[in-house]
Protein backbone atom coordinates (compact mmCIF):
# COMPACT_ATOMS: atom_id res chain seq x y z
CA UNK A 1 -0.09 -0.10 0.04
CA UNK A 2 3.07 2.33 -0.81
CA UNK A 3 0.99 4.51 -2.99
CA UNK A 4 -1.46 5.74 -0.38
CA UNK A 5 -1.09 8.85 2.44
CA UNK A 6 -0.91 7.74 5.78
CA UNK A 7 -4.43 8.86 6.45
CA UNK A 8 -5.99 6.31 4.09
CA UNK A 9 -3.49 3.78 5.14
CA UNK A 10 -5.00 4.20 8.66
CA UNK A 11 -8.42 4.29 7.88
CA UNK A 12 -8.22 1.15 5.70
CA UNK A 13 -6.74 -0.55 8.36
CA UNK A 14 -9.74 0.08 10.41
CA UNK A 15 -12.23 -1.23 7.99
CA UNK A 16 -13.24 -4.77 8.66
CA UNK A 17 -11.95 -7.36 6.23
CA UNK A 18 -14.75 -9.68 5.11
CA UNK A 19 -14.55 -13.43 5.45
CA UNK A 20 -17.03 -14.72 3.24
CA UNK A 21 -16.06 -15.59 -0.31
CA UNK A 22 -19.40 -15.75 -2.34
CA UNK A 23 -20.75 -13.42 -4.95
CA UNK A 24 -24.11 -12.68 -6.22
CA UNK A 25 -24.40 -16.29 -8.06
CA UNK A 26 -23.75 -18.03 -4.98
CA UNK A 27 -27.26 -17.60 -3.36
CA UNK A 28 -26.20 -19.76 -0.47
CA UNK A 29 -23.49 -17.50 1.04
CA UNK A 30 -24.39 -14.09 -0.75
CA UNK A 31 -26.71 -13.04 2.03
CA UNK A 32 -23.86 -13.68 4.74
CA UNK A 33 -21.26 -11.73 2.33
CA UNK A 34 -23.83 -8.70 2.22
CA UNK A 35 -24.03 -8.59 5.73
CA UNK A 36 -20.12 -8.34 5.98
CA UNK A 37 -20.35 -5.63 3.20
CA UNK A 38 -22.49 -3.58 5.26
CA UNK A 39 -20.99 -3.94 8.55
CA UNK A 40 -17.62 -2.89 6.66
CA UNK A 41 -19.51 0.19 5.07
CA UNK A 42 -21.04 1.22 8.51
CA UNK A 43 -17.57 0.97 10.20
CA UNK A 44 -15.95 3.05 7.22
CA UNK A 45 -18.85 5.64 7.48
CA UNK A 46 -18.49 6.22 11.38
CA UNK A 47 -14.74 6.72 10.61
CA UNK A 48 -15.16 9.24 8.14
CA UNK A 49 -17.80 11.23 10.24
CA UNK A 50 -15.67 10.91 13.42
CA UNK A 51 -12.84 12.59 11.54
CA UNK A 52 -15.31 15.08 9.82
CA UNK A 53 -14.55 13.65 6.12
CA UNK A 54 -18.02 12.32 5.31
CA UNK A 55 -17.74 12.28 1.45
CA UNK A 56 -20.56 9.86 0.41
CA UNK A 57 -24.10 8.18 0.59
CA UNK A 58 -24.77 4.79 -0.89
CA UNK A 59 -27.23 2.15 -0.54
CA UNK A 60 -28.07 -1.15 -2.79
CA UNK A 61 -30.85 -2.51 -4.15
CA UNK A 62 -32.45 -5.60 -2.35
CA UNK A 63 -30.46 -8.02 -4.12
CA UNK A 64 -27.10 -6.20 -3.27
CA UNK A 65 -26.05 -6.55 -6.91
CA UNK A 66 -26.73 -2.55 -7.73
CA UNK A 67 -25.25 0.11 -5.59
CA UNK A 68 -26.02 4.00 -5.95
CA UNK A 69 -25.62 7.24 -4.31
CA UNK A 70 -23.75 10.20 -3.97
CA UNK A 71 -20.04 11.42 -3.65
CA UNK A 72 -18.59 14.82 -2.98
CA UNK A 73 -15.35 16.42 -3.14
CA UNK A 74 -14.62 19.75 -1.54
CA UNK A 75 -12.18 22.12 -3.55
CA UNK A 76 -11.48 25.53 -2.71
CA UNK A 77 -14.33 25.48 -0.20
CA UNK A 78 -17.00 24.39 -2.80
CA UNK A 79 -18.38 21.26 -2.93
CA UNK A 80 -18.62 19.34 -6.02
CA UNK A 81 -21.11 16.51 -6.10
CA UNK A 82 -21.64 13.81 -8.18
CA UNK A 83 -24.08 10.54 -8.77
CA UNK A 84 -22.31 7.35 -7.94
CA UNK A 85 -23.09 3.82 -9.02
CA UNK A 86 -22.01 0.46 -9.86
CA UNK A 87 -23.12 -3.23 -10.42
CA UNK A 88 -21.49 -5.92 -8.41
CA UNK A 89 -19.79 -8.35 -11.07
CA UNK A 90 -20.78 -11.80 -11.55
CA UNK A 91 -17.18 -13.17 -10.62
CA UNK A 92 -17.09 -10.87 -7.35
CA UNK A 93 -15.27 -10.91 -4.97
CA UNK A 94 -12.49 -11.86 -7.05
CA UNK A 95 -13.37 -8.99 -9.29
CA UNK A 96 -13.37 -5.66 -8.23
CA UNK A 97 -16.71 -3.51 -9.00
CA UNK A 98 -16.24 -0.89 -11.52
CA UNK A 99 -17.14 2.29 -10.25
CA UNK A 100 -19.11 4.88 -12.24
CA UNK A 101 -19.56 8.73 -12.15
CA UNK A 102 -21.72 9.12 -15.33
CA UNK A 103 -21.89 12.89 -15.35
CA UNK A 104 -17.88 12.95 -15.76
CA UNK A 105 -18.08 10.56 -18.93
CA UNK A 106 -15.65 11.64 -21.28
CA UNK A 107 -14.21 14.60 -18.99
CA UNK A 108 -11.07 12.95 -18.17
CA UNK A 109 -8.64 10.35 -19.98
CA UNK A 110 -8.79 8.50 -16.26
CA UNK A 111 -12.20 7.35 -17.11
CA UNK A 112 -13.52 4.56 -19.38
CA UNK A 113 -16.72 4.86 -21.29
CA UNK A 114 -19.91 5.01 -19.31
CA UNK A 115 -18.11 7.37 -16.59
CA UNK A 116 -16.18 4.22 -15.11
CA UNK A 117 -12.98 5.45 -13.34
CA UNK A 118 -9.91 4.31 -14.04
CA UNK A 119 -8.26 1.92 -11.27
CA UNK A 120 -5.99 -0.32 -13.16
CA UNK A 121 -2.95 0.53 -12.31
CA UNK A 122 -2.99 1.03 -8.44
CA UNK A 123 -5.82 -0.42 -7.09
CA UNK A 124 -6.86 -3.50 -9.23
CA UNK A 125 -3.71 -5.23 -8.22
CA UNK A 126 -4.06 -4.51 -4.49
CA UNK A 127 -7.71 -5.87 -4.82
CA UNK A 128 -6.57 -9.06 -6.58
CA UNK A 129 -3.94 -9.59 -3.95
CA UNK A 130 -6.73 -9.05 -1.17
CA UNK A 131 -9.57 -10.96 -2.37
CA UNK A 132 -11.81 -12.15 -1.16
CA UNK A 133 -11.08 -9.83 2.01
CA UNK A 134 -12.06 -6.29 0.35
CA UNK A 135 -15.28 -5.19 -0.31
CA UNK A 136 -17.46 -2.08 -1.25
CA UNK A 137 -15.90 0.12 1.40
CA UNK A 138 -12.45 -0.81 0.54
CA UNK A 139 -13.15 -0.01 -3.04
CA UNK A 140 -14.67 3.49 -2.08
CA UNK A 141 -11.51 3.92 0.41
CA UNK A 142 -8.72 2.94 -1.95
CA UNK A 143 -10.36 3.18 -4.99
CA UNK A 144 -12.74 6.37 -5.56
CA UNK A 145 -11.48 8.58 -2.90
CA UNK A 146 -7.89 8.73 -4.20
CA UNK A 147 -9.10 9.20 -7.78
CA UNK A 148 -11.57 12.04 -6.64
CA UNK A 149 -8.71 13.65 -4.61
CA UNK A 150 -6.26 13.39 -7.98
CA UNK A 151 -8.84 14.16 -10.55
CA UNK A 152 -11.46 16.85 -9.30
CA UNK A 153 -9.07 19.32 -8.51
CA UNK A 154 -7.55 19.04 -12.10
CA UNK A 155 -11.08 18.95 -13.89
CA UNK A 156 -11.90 22.40 -11.75
CA UNK A 157 -8.65 23.91 -12.40
CA UNK A 158 -8.63 23.23 -16.03
CA UNK A 159 -12.23 24.62 -16.32
CA UNK A 160 -13.61 21.03 -17.41
CA UNK A 161 -16.17 21.23 -14.57
CA UNK A 162 -17.54 24.23 -12.80
CA UNK A 163 -19.49 24.49 -9.66
CA UNK A 164 -22.95 24.45 -9.64
CA UNK A 165 -23.66 27.98 -8.36
CA UNK A 166 -21.29 29.23 -10.80
CA UNK A 167 -22.52 27.61 -13.73
């Protein structure tokens, strides 16, 4: 985990690791895995709130296969908010979810078609090494959060995105 700052490392170490190796096709153990996912997410949200670093809301459909919510980034004291969504891959947890910010589709080279953020270089090898112990909370902490910290200021400074009050 050499590419992450000390704060991120400290936070991710406090997010519970998941134990159940099951994806949505494994009907028998998927419910157990979902309970672990929710427990890890609740812990991550609690850690963020305690550090006054709340930056997302998320929920899933009843089956736990589609997740959506909002994420935001504060830059120059302005809050930039985006829709967040992803589907759990059929090969989960061996395969990380592809996190999407649809309204940023096509606005940065570090994104794939459909608004899927690029996580291949830094995050996906770490996910592969830690599967099945990583879950949704880890993907947000080690995938989306660093991506937003790198990309949102650049998109704002280059004028590609503007704050809703300035539009």
